[in-house]
Amino acid sequence: FIPTSKPSISKSNQVSYHVIMRENESGSTSSVYITDKENSWIPANVLSRDEGTATVTVSYHPFDSNERKQKTVKLADYPSNILPLQNVNENGILMDMPDMVDLPYLHEPAILFNLKARHEKKMPYTRVGDIVIALNPFQWIGGLYSEEMRHLYSDKLVWNASADGDAKS
């Protein structure tokens, strides 16, 4: 199965994306998040879906991808009966971005997993547009506050920002 997104507008004029599943020759699956009591959200792959449930596979041990379990989730437990999509690249690998505005899907689990991935890479600063999110790394990260890094960011974000204030340009 391969995910595609189809936007729809609800009565409150909020745009949501529905997972439409179609089979392809590679047999890949739709990458979503499901709620979990212990971990809040966990990545899953949709195997099938009917009117009120979805059958997914999950890996409770991220370092052992061979240990996967099937689970049936009630779609009524999710807003608009929709499982939130993961931000994965064409190879199915979870993406992380320095500016979360660049994530294809921006919702609670996407934000949490993006922050987690960057934290594991010892990158405590993440942006959402002009807003900076700082996570405590609970350790000293060498070079993070060096003179070289200070100049790099001041040049990019202050002195050489584009006319509209977008430092990414």
N, C-alpha and C. Protein backbone atom coordinates (compact mmCIF):
# COMPACT_ATOMS: atom_id res chain seq x y z
N PHE A 1 0.85 -1.18 0.00
CA PHE A 1 0.00 0.00 0.00
C PHE A 1 0.88 1.23 0.00
N ILE A 2 0.43 2.28 -0.61
CA ILE A 2 1.18 3.54 -0.62
C ILE A 2 0.24 4.66 -0.21
N PRO A 3 0.70 5.57 0.71
CA PRO A 3 -0.20 6.62 1.15
C PRO A 3 -0.25 7.77 0.16
N THR A 4 -1.41 8.33 -0.01
CA THR A 4 -1.54 9.60 -0.71
C THR A 4 -2.42 10.46 0.16
N SER A 5 -2.30 11.74 0.03
CA SER A 5 -3.08 12.64 0.87
C SER A 5 -4.14 13.32 0.04
N LYS A 6 -5.32 13.38 0.59
CA LYS A 6 -6.42 14.06 -0.07
C LYS A 6 -7.01 15.04 0.93
N PRO A 7 -6.84 16.35 0.73
CA PRO A 7 -7.34 17.30 1.71
C PRO A 7 -8.86 17.38 1.66
N SER A 8 -9.44 17.60 2.84
CA SER A 8 -10.87 17.87 2.92
C SER A 8 -11.06 18.97 3.95
N ILE A 9 -12.12 19.73 3.81
CA ILE A 9 -12.37 20.83 4.72
C ILE A 9 -13.58 20.48 5.57
N SER A 10 -13.40 20.56 6.88
CA SER A 10 -14.48 20.23 7.81
C SER A 10 -15.42 21.43 7.97
N LYS A 11 -16.48 21.25 8.76
CA LYS A 11 -17.44 22.33 8.99
C LYS A 11 -16.78 23.53 9.65
N SER A 12 -15.71 23.32 10.41
CA SER A 12 -15.02 24.42 11.08
C SER A 12 -13.92 25.02 10.20
N ASN A 13 -13.93 24.68 8.90
CA ASN A 13 -12.96 25.17 7.93
C ASN A 13 -11.52 24.75 8.24
N GLN A 14 -11.35 23.64 8.93
CA GLN A 14 -10.02 23.12 9.17
C GLN A 14 -9.71 22.09 8.10
N VAL A 15 -8.50 22.15 7.57
CA VAL A 15 -8.10 21.20 6.54
C VAL A 15 -7.53 19.96 7.22
N SER A 16 -7.97 18.80 6.81
CA SER A 16 -7.41 17.56 7.33
C SER A 16 -7.05 16.69 6.14
N TYR A 17 -6.18 15.72 6.36
CA TYR A 17 -5.73 14.84 5.30
C TYR A 17 -6.15 13.42 5.60
N HIS A 18 -6.74 12.78 4.63
CA HIS A 18 -7.19 11.39 4.77
C HIS A 18 -6.18 10.48 4.08
N VAL A 19 -5.97 9.32 4.67
CA VAL A 19 -5.09 8.34 4.04
C VAL A 19 -5.92 7.54 3.05
N ILE A 20 -5.53 7.59 1.80
CA ILE A 20 -6.15 6.77 0.78
C ILE A 20 -5.12 5.71 0.44
N MET A 21 -5.50 4.46 0.57
CA MET A 21 -4.53 3.40 0.35
C MET A 21 -4.76 2.75 -0.99
N ARG A 22 -3.70 2.58 -1.73
CA ARG A 22 -3.79 1.84 -2.98
C ARG A 22 -2.60 0.90 -3.04
N GLU A 23 -2.81 -0.21 -3.62
CA GLU A 23 -1.76 -1.23 -3.66
C GLU A 23 -0.77 -0.91 -4.78
N ASN A 24 0.48 -1.15 -4.50
CA ASN A 24 1.50 -1.04 -5.54
C ASN A 24 2.35 -2.29 -5.53
N GLU A 25 3.24 -2.40 -6.48
CA GLU A 25 3.99 -3.64 -6.62
C GLU A 25 5.01 -3.87 -5.51
N SER A 26 5.44 -2.82 -4.81
CA SER A 26 6.45 -3.02 -3.77
C SER A 26 5.85 -3.53 -2.47
N GLY A 27 4.53 -3.38 -2.27
CA GLY A 27 3.90 -3.86 -1.04
C GLY A 27 4.19 -2.97 0.16
N SER A 28 4.61 -1.72 -0.04
CA SER A 28 4.89 -0.83 1.08
C SER A 28 3.59 -0.44 1.76
N THR A 29 3.69 0.17 2.94
CA THR A 29 2.49 0.49 3.71
C THR A 29 2.44 1.97 4.05
N SER A 30 1.28 2.40 4.50
CA SER A 30 1.10 3.77 4.95
C SER A 30 1.74 3.95 6.32
N SER A 31 2.60 4.93 6.46
CA SER A 31 3.29 5.19 7.71
C SER A 31 2.49 6.21 8.51
N VAL A 32 2.07 5.81 9.71
CA VAL A 32 1.23 6.64 10.56
C VAL A 32 1.75 6.59 11.99
N TYR A 33 1.12 7.36 12.86
CA TYR A 33 1.36 7.28 14.30
C TYR A 33 0.09 6.78 14.97
N ILE A 34 0.25 6.00 16.03
CA ILE A 34 -0.89 5.61 16.85
C ILE A 34 -0.58 5.98 18.30
N THR A 35 -1.63 6.17 19.08
CA THR A 35 -1.42 6.51 20.48
C THR A 35 -0.98 5.26 21.25
N ASP A 36 -0.22 5.52 22.31
CA ASP A 36 0.30 4.45 23.15
C ASP A 36 0.36 4.97 24.58
N LYS A 37 -0.16 4.20 25.54
CA LYS A 37 -0.21 4.65 26.93
C LYS A 37 1.17 4.93 27.51
N GLU A 38 2.15 4.12 27.16
CA GLU A 38 3.49 4.26 27.72
C GLU A 38 4.32 5.33 27.01
N ASN A 39 4.20 5.42 25.68
CA ASN A 39 5.06 6.30 24.90
C ASN A 39 4.36 7.49 24.27
N SER A 40 3.11 7.70 24.55
CA SER A 40 2.29 8.77 23.97
C SER A 40 1.93 8.46 22.52
N TRP A 41 2.93 8.45 21.61
CA TRP A 41 2.72 8.13 20.20
C TRP A 41 3.81 7.16 19.77
N ILE A 42 3.45 6.23 18.89
CA ILE A 42 4.45 5.33 18.33
C ILE A 42 4.21 5.20 16.82
N PRO A 43 5.30 5.04 16.06
CA PRO A 43 5.14 4.85 14.61
C PRO A 43 4.51 3.49 14.31
N ALA A 44 3.71 3.46 13.26
CA ALA A 44 3.06 2.22 12.85
C ALA A 44 2.89 2.23 11.33
N ASN A 45 2.63 1.07 10.78
CA ASN A 45 2.35 0.94 9.35
C ASN A 45 0.97 0.31 9.19
N VAL A 46 0.13 0.93 8.39
CA VAL A 46 -1.23 0.44 8.18
C VAL A 46 -1.20 -0.76 7.25
N LEU A 47 -1.82 -1.84 7.70
CA LEU A 47 -1.97 -3.03 6.86
C LEU A 47 -3.31 -3.04 6.16
N SER A 48 -4.37 -2.68 6.92
CA SER A 48 -5.70 -2.64 6.34
C SER A 48 -6.56 -1.70 7.16
N ARG A 49 -7.69 -1.33 6.57
CA ARG A 49 -8.60 -0.41 7.23
C ARG A 49 -10.02 -0.76 6.83
N ASP A 50 -10.94 -0.72 7.79
CA ASP A 50 -12.34 -0.86 7.46
C ASP A 50 -13.07 0.35 8.02
N GLU A 51 -14.37 0.25 8.15
CA GLU A 51 -15.18 1.41 8.55
C GLU A 51 -14.74 2.05 9.85
N GLY A 52 -14.45 1.27 10.88
CA GLY A 52 -14.16 1.87 12.18
C GLY A 52 -12.83 1.51 12.79
N THR A 53 -12.04 0.65 12.12
CA THR A 53 -10.76 0.23 12.69
C THR A 53 -9.69 0.20 11.61
N ALA A 54 -8.45 0.16 12.09
CA ALA A 54 -7.31 -0.04 11.20
C ALA A 54 -6.41 -1.08 11.84
N THR A 55 -5.88 -1.97 11.04
CA THR A 55 -4.91 -2.95 11.52
C THR A 55 -3.53 -2.43 11.14
N VAL A 56 -2.65 -2.33 12.14
CA VAL A 56 -1.32 -1.76 11.92
C VAL A 56 -0.27 -2.72 12.47
N THR A 57 0.96 -2.52 12.02
CA THR A 57 2.10 -3.21 12.63
C THR A 57 2.92 -2.15 13.35
N VAL A 58 3.40 -2.50 14.53
CA VAL A 58 4.22 -1.58 15.31
C VAL A 58 5.46 -2.30 15.80
N SER A 59 6.50 -1.53 16.03
CA SER A 59 7.72 -2.05 16.63
C SER A 59 7.87 -1.35 17.97
N TYR A 60 7.72 -2.08 19.05
CA TYR A 60 7.84 -1.48 20.38
C TYR A 60 9.29 -1.27 20.78
N HIS A 61 10.20 -1.90 20.06
CA HIS A 61 11.63 -1.75 20.33
C HIS A 61 12.27 -1.18 19.07
N PRO A 62 12.49 0.16 19.04
CA PRO A 62 12.98 0.79 17.81
C PRO A 62 14.31 0.26 17.31
N PHE A 63 15.11 -0.36 18.20
CA PHE A 63 16.41 -0.86 17.76
C PHE A 63 16.32 -2.28 17.23
N ASP A 64 15.16 -2.92 17.37
CA ASP A 64 14.96 -4.26 16.85
C ASP A 64 13.77 -4.22 15.90
N SER A 65 14.03 -3.85 14.66
CA SER A 65 12.95 -3.71 13.69
C SER A 65 12.33 -5.05 13.28
N ASN A 66 12.98 -6.17 13.65
CA ASN A 66 12.43 -7.48 13.31
C ASN A 66 11.29 -7.88 14.24
N GLU A 67 11.24 -7.28 15.42
CA GLU A 67 10.19 -7.62 16.39
C GLU A 67 9.01 -6.67 16.19
N ARG A 68 8.11 -7.04 15.29
CA ARG A 68 6.94 -6.23 14.98
C ARG A 68 5.68 -6.98 15.40
N LYS A 69 4.70 -6.22 15.89
CA LYS A 69 3.45 -6.82 16.33
C LYS A 69 2.29 -6.16 15.62
N GLN A 70 1.25 -6.94 15.39
CA GLN A 70 0.03 -6.40 14.80
C GLN A 70 -0.88 -5.88 15.90
N LYS A 71 -1.56 -4.80 15.60
CA LYS A 71 -2.46 -4.21 16.56
C LYS A 71 -3.65 -3.63 15.80
N THR A 72 -4.83 -3.72 16.36
CA THR A 72 -6.02 -3.12 15.77
C THR A 72 -6.36 -1.88 16.58
N VAL A 73 -6.53 -0.75 15.91
CA VAL A 73 -6.85 0.51 16.59
C VAL A 73 -8.23 0.99 16.16
N LYS A 74 -8.92 1.62 17.09
CA LYS A 74 -10.23 2.20 16.79
C LYS A 74 -10.02 3.60 16.24
N LEU A 75 -10.51 3.84 15.05
CA LEU A 75 -10.36 5.15 14.42
C LEU A 75 -11.13 6.23 15.16
N ALA A 76 -12.17 5.86 15.90
CA ALA A 76 -12.95 6.83 16.66
C ALA A 76 -12.12 7.49 17.76
N ASP A 77 -10.99 6.89 18.12
CA ASP A 77 -10.10 7.46 19.14
C ASP A 77 -9.23 8.59 18.60
N TYR A 78 -9.33 8.89 17.31
CA TYR A 78 -8.49 9.89 16.66
C TYR A 78 -9.37 10.99 16.07
N PRO A 79 -8.87 12.23 16.04
CA PRO A 79 -9.66 13.32 15.46
C PRO A 79 -10.08 13.00 14.03
N SER A 80 -11.33 13.19 13.73
CA SER A 80 -11.91 12.95 12.40
C SER A 80 -11.71 11.51 11.93
N ASN A 81 -11.47 10.59 12.85
CA ASN A 81 -11.25 9.17 12.53
C ASN A 81 -10.05 8.95 11.60
N ILE A 82 -9.02 9.79 11.76
CA ILE A 82 -7.85 9.74 10.87
C ILE A 82 -6.58 9.53 11.70
N LEU A 83 -5.75 8.59 11.29
CA LEU A 83 -4.45 8.39 11.92
C LEU A 83 -3.47 9.42 11.37
N PRO A 84 -2.71 10.10 12.23
CA PRO A 84 -1.75 11.10 11.74
C PRO A 84 -0.63 10.44 10.93
N LEU A 85 -0.30 11.04 9.80
CA LEU A 85 0.74 10.49 8.92
C LEU A 85 2.13 10.85 9.43
N GLN A 86 3.07 9.93 9.22
CA GLN A 86 4.47 10.18 9.53
C GLN A 86 5.10 11.01 8.41
N ASN A 87 6.15 11.72 8.74
CA ASN A 87 6.95 12.44 7.75
C ASN A 87 8.11 11.53 7.35
N VAL A 88 7.89 10.78 6.28
CA VAL A 88 8.92 9.86 5.81
C VAL A 88 9.35 10.25 4.40
N ASN A 89 10.60 9.91 4.08
CA ASN A 89 11.09 10.19 2.73
C ASN A 89 10.68 9.06 1.79
N GLU A 90 11.15 9.10 0.55
CA GLU A 90 10.75 8.10 -0.45
C GLU A 90 11.22 6.69 -0.10
N ASN A 91 12.19 6.57 0.83
CA ASN A 91 12.66 5.25 1.27
C ASN A 91 11.96 4.78 2.54
N GLY A 92 10.98 5.55 3.01
CA GLY A 92 10.25 5.18 4.22
C GLY A 92 10.96 5.51 5.51
N ILE A 93 12.01 6.33 5.44
CA ILE A 93 12.79 6.70 6.62
C ILE A 93 12.23 8.00 7.20
N LEU A 94 12.02 8.01 8.51
CA LEU A 94 11.49 9.17 9.20
C LEU A 94 12.41 10.37 9.01
N MET A 95 11.84 11.49 8.58
CA MET A 95 12.61 12.70 8.33
C MET A 95 12.60 13.58 9.57
N ASP A 96 13.70 14.33 9.76
CA ASP A 96 13.69 15.39 10.76
C ASP A 96 14.20 16.65 10.09
N MET A 97 13.67 17.79 10.52
CA MET A 97 13.98 19.06 9.88
C MET A 97 14.41 20.09 10.92
N PRO A 98 15.37 20.96 10.56
CA PRO A 98 15.75 22.03 11.48
C PRO A 98 14.64 23.06 11.65
N ASP A 99 13.78 23.22 10.64
CA ASP A 99 12.62 24.11 10.73
C ASP A 99 11.39 23.25 10.48
N MET A 100 10.57 23.10 11.51
CA MET A 100 9.43 22.19 11.41
C MET A 100 8.36 22.68 10.44
N VAL A 101 8.43 23.92 9.99
CA VAL A 101 7.53 24.42 8.96
C VAL A 101 7.73 23.62 7.68
N ASP A 102 8.93 23.07 7.50
CA ASP A 102 9.25 22.29 6.30
C ASP A 102 8.75 20.85 6.35
N LEU A 103 8.20 20.41 7.48
CA LEU A 103 7.65 19.06 7.56
C LEU A 103 6.36 18.99 6.75
N PRO A 104 6.18 17.93 5.96
CA PRO A 104 4.94 17.81 5.18
C PRO A 104 3.69 17.75 6.05
N TYR A 105 3.78 17.10 7.21
CA TYR A 105 2.64 16.97 8.13
C TYR A 105 3.07 17.52 9.48
N LEU A 106 2.37 18.52 9.96
CA LEU A 106 2.72 19.15 11.23
C LEU A 106 1.57 18.95 12.21
N HIS A 107 1.76 18.03 13.13
CA HIS A 107 0.78 17.72 14.17
C HIS A 107 1.56 17.25 15.38
N GLU A 108 0.86 16.98 16.48
CA GLU A 108 1.54 16.64 17.74
C GLU A 108 2.59 15.54 17.61
N PRO A 109 2.27 14.36 17.06
CA PRO A 109 3.32 13.33 17.00
C PRO A 109 4.47 13.72 16.08
N ALA A 110 4.21 14.45 15.00
CA ALA A 110 5.29 14.87 14.11
C ALA A 110 6.24 15.81 14.84
N ILE A 111 5.70 16.73 15.62
CA ILE A 111 6.53 17.66 16.39
C ILE A 111 7.37 16.89 17.40
N LEU A 112 6.73 15.99 18.16
CA LEU A 112 7.46 15.24 19.18
C LEU A 112 8.56 14.37 18.59
N PHE A 113 8.28 13.69 17.48
CA PHE A 113 9.30 12.83 16.88
C PHE A 113 10.41 13.64 16.23
N ASN A 114 10.09 14.81 15.67
CA ASN A 114 11.13 15.67 15.10
C ASN A 114 12.06 16.17 16.21
N LEU A 115 11.49 16.61 17.33
CA LEU A 115 12.31 17.07 18.45
C LEU A 115 13.15 15.92 19.01
N LYS A 116 12.57 14.74 19.11
CA LYS A 116 13.30 13.58 19.62
C LYS A 116 14.48 13.24 18.71
N ALA A 117 14.25 13.21 17.41
CA ALA A 117 15.33 12.88 16.46
C ALA A 117 16.46 13.89 16.54
N ARG A 118 16.12 15.16 16.63
CA ARG A 118 17.16 16.20 16.70
C ARG A 118 17.88 16.14 18.04
N HIS A 119 17.16 15.83 19.12
CA HIS A 119 17.78 15.70 20.44
C HIS A 119 18.79 14.55 20.44
N GLU A 120 18.43 13.43 19.82
CA GLU A 120 19.34 12.29 19.75
C GLU A 120 20.59 12.61 18.95
N LYS A 121 20.50 13.56 18.01
CA LYS A 121 21.65 13.97 17.20
C LYS A 121 22.42 15.11 17.86
N LYS A 122 22.07 15.42 19.11
CA LYS A 122 22.70 16.52 19.87
C LYS A 122 22.50 17.86 19.17
N MET A 123 21.27 18.08 18.68
CA MET A 123 20.89 19.34 18.05
C MET A 123 19.72 19.92 18.86
N PRO A 124 20.03 20.65 19.94
CA PRO A 124 18.98 21.08 20.86
C PRO A 124 18.07 22.20 20.34
N TYR A 125 18.46 22.87 19.27
CA TYR A 125 17.66 23.99 18.76
C TYR A 125 16.92 23.59 17.48
N THR A 126 15.63 23.87 17.48
CA THR A 126 14.77 23.58 16.33
C THR A 126 13.87 24.79 16.14
N ARG A 127 13.54 25.09 14.91
CA ARG A 127 12.68 26.24 14.63
C ARG A 127 11.30 25.80 14.18
N VAL A 128 10.35 26.70 14.38
CA VAL A 128 9.03 26.63 13.77
C VAL A 128 8.82 28.04 13.22
N GLY A 129 9.25 28.25 11.97
CA GLY A 129 9.23 29.60 11.42
C GLY A 129 10.21 30.48 12.18
N ASP A 130 9.72 31.56 12.78
CA ASP A 130 10.57 32.48 13.53
C ASP A 130 10.72 32.08 15.00
N ILE A 131 10.06 31.04 15.42
CA ILE A 131 10.10 30.61 16.82
C ILE A 131 11.19 29.55 16.98
N VAL A 132 12.02 29.71 18.01
CA VAL A 132 13.06 28.74 18.29
C VAL A 132 12.63 27.90 19.49
N ILE A 133 12.74 26.58 19.34
CA ILE A 133 12.46 25.65 20.42
C ILE A 133 13.80 25.11 20.89
N ALA A 134 14.07 25.25 22.19
CA ALA A 134 15.32 24.76 22.77
C ALA A 134 15.02 23.64 23.75
N LEU A 135 15.67 22.50 23.55
CA LEU A 135 15.55 21.38 24.48
C LEU A 135 16.82 21.28 25.30
N ASN A 136 16.68 20.98 26.57
CA ASN A 136 17.83 20.80 27.43
C ASN A 136 18.53 19.49 27.02
N PRO A 137 19.78 19.57 26.55
CA PRO A 137 20.47 18.33 26.13
C PRO A 137 20.99 17.51 27.31
N PHE A 138 20.94 18.04 28.54
CA PHE A 138 21.40 17.37 29.75
C PHE A 138 22.87 16.96 29.65
N GLN A 139 23.62 17.65 28.81
CA GLN A 139 25.05 17.42 28.68
C GLN A 139 25.64 18.61 27.93
N TRP A 140 26.95 18.79 28.06
CA TRP A 140 27.62 19.85 27.33
C TRP A 140 27.88 19.36 25.91
N ILE A 141 27.54 20.17 24.91
CA ILE A 141 27.77 19.82 23.51
C ILE A 141 28.90 20.71 23.01
N GLY A 142 30.07 20.11 22.83
CA GLY A 142 31.25 20.85 22.43
C GLY A 142 31.04 21.56 21.09
N GLY A 143 31.49 22.82 21.03
CA GLY A 143 31.42 23.60 19.80
C GLY A 143 30.09 24.28 19.55
N LEU A 144 29.07 23.95 20.33
CA LEU A 144 27.75 24.52 20.09
C LEU A 144 27.74 26.03 20.30
N TYR A 145 28.52 26.51 21.28
CA TYR A 145 28.54 27.94 21.57
C TYR A 145 29.89 28.56 21.24
N SER A 146 30.58 27.99 20.26
CA SER A 146 31.89 28.51 19.88
C SER A 146 31.74 29.83 19.11
N GLU A 147 32.82 30.55 19.02
CA GLU A 147 32.84 31.82 18.27
C GLU A 147 32.47 31.58 16.81
N GLU A 148 32.94 30.47 16.25
CA GLU A 148 32.64 30.13 14.85
C GLU A 148 31.14 29.93 14.63
N MET A 149 30.49 29.20 15.53
CA MET A 149 29.04 28.97 15.42
C MET A 149 28.27 30.27 15.62
N ARG A 150 28.73 31.11 16.53
CA ARG A 150 28.07 32.39 16.77
C ARG A 150 28.10 33.25 15.51
N HIS A 151 29.24 33.29 14.86
CA HIS A 151 29.35 34.07 13.62
C HIS A 151 28.51 33.46 12.50
N LEU A 152 28.50 32.13 12.40
CA LEU A 152 27.71 31.46 11.37
C LEU A 152 26.23 31.85 11.50
N TYR A 153 25.68 31.75 12.69
CA TYR A 153 24.27 32.06 12.89
C TYR A 153 23.98 33.55 12.80
N SER A 154 24.86 34.39 13.33
CA SER A 154 24.60 35.83 13.24
C SER A 154 24.66 36.29 11.78
N ASP A 155 25.57 35.73 11.00
CA ASP A 155 25.62 36.08 9.57
C ASP A 155 24.36 35.62 8.85
N LYS A 156 23.94 34.41 9.11
CA LYS A 156 22.78 33.85 8.41
C LYS A 156 21.46 34.47 8.88
N LEU A 157 21.29 34.62 10.18
CA LEU A 157 20.01 35.05 10.71
C LEU A 157 19.86 36.56 10.89
N VAL A 158 20.98 37.28 10.99
CA VAL A 158 20.88 38.72 11.23
C VAL A 158 21.37 39.53 10.04
N TRP A 159 22.61 39.33 9.66
CA TRP A 159 23.23 40.20 8.66
C TRP A 159 22.86 39.84 7.23
N ASN A 160 22.61 38.56 6.94
CA ASN A 160 22.34 38.16 5.56
C ASN A 160 20.95 37.58 5.36
N ALA A 161 20.02 37.90 6.24
CA ALA A 161 18.65 37.44 6.07
C ALA A 161 18.04 38.16 4.88
N SER A 162 17.10 37.50 4.19
CA SER A 162 16.46 38.14 3.03
C SER A 162 15.60 39.30 3.47
N ALA A 163 15.14 40.09 2.52
CA ALA A 163 14.34 41.28 2.80
C ALA A 163 13.06 40.97 3.57
N ASP A 164 12.48 39.79 3.33
CA ASP A 164 11.25 39.43 4.04
C ASP A 164 11.52 38.81 5.40
N GLY A 165 12.81 38.74 5.80
CA GLY A 165 13.15 38.22 7.12
C GLY A 165 13.32 36.73 7.17
N ASP A 166 13.22 36.05 6.03
CA ASP A 166 13.36 34.60 6.02
C ASP A 166 14.83 34.24 5.93
N ALA A 167 15.36 33.67 7.02
CA ALA A 167 16.79 33.33 7.07
C ALA A 167 17.12 32.11 6.23
N LYS A 168 16.12 31.36 5.80
CA LYS A 168 16.39 30.14 5.02
C LYS A 168 16.68 30.45 3.56
N SER A 169 16.35 31.63 3.10
CA SER A 169 16.54 31.97 1.68
C SER A 169 17.98 32.11 1.33
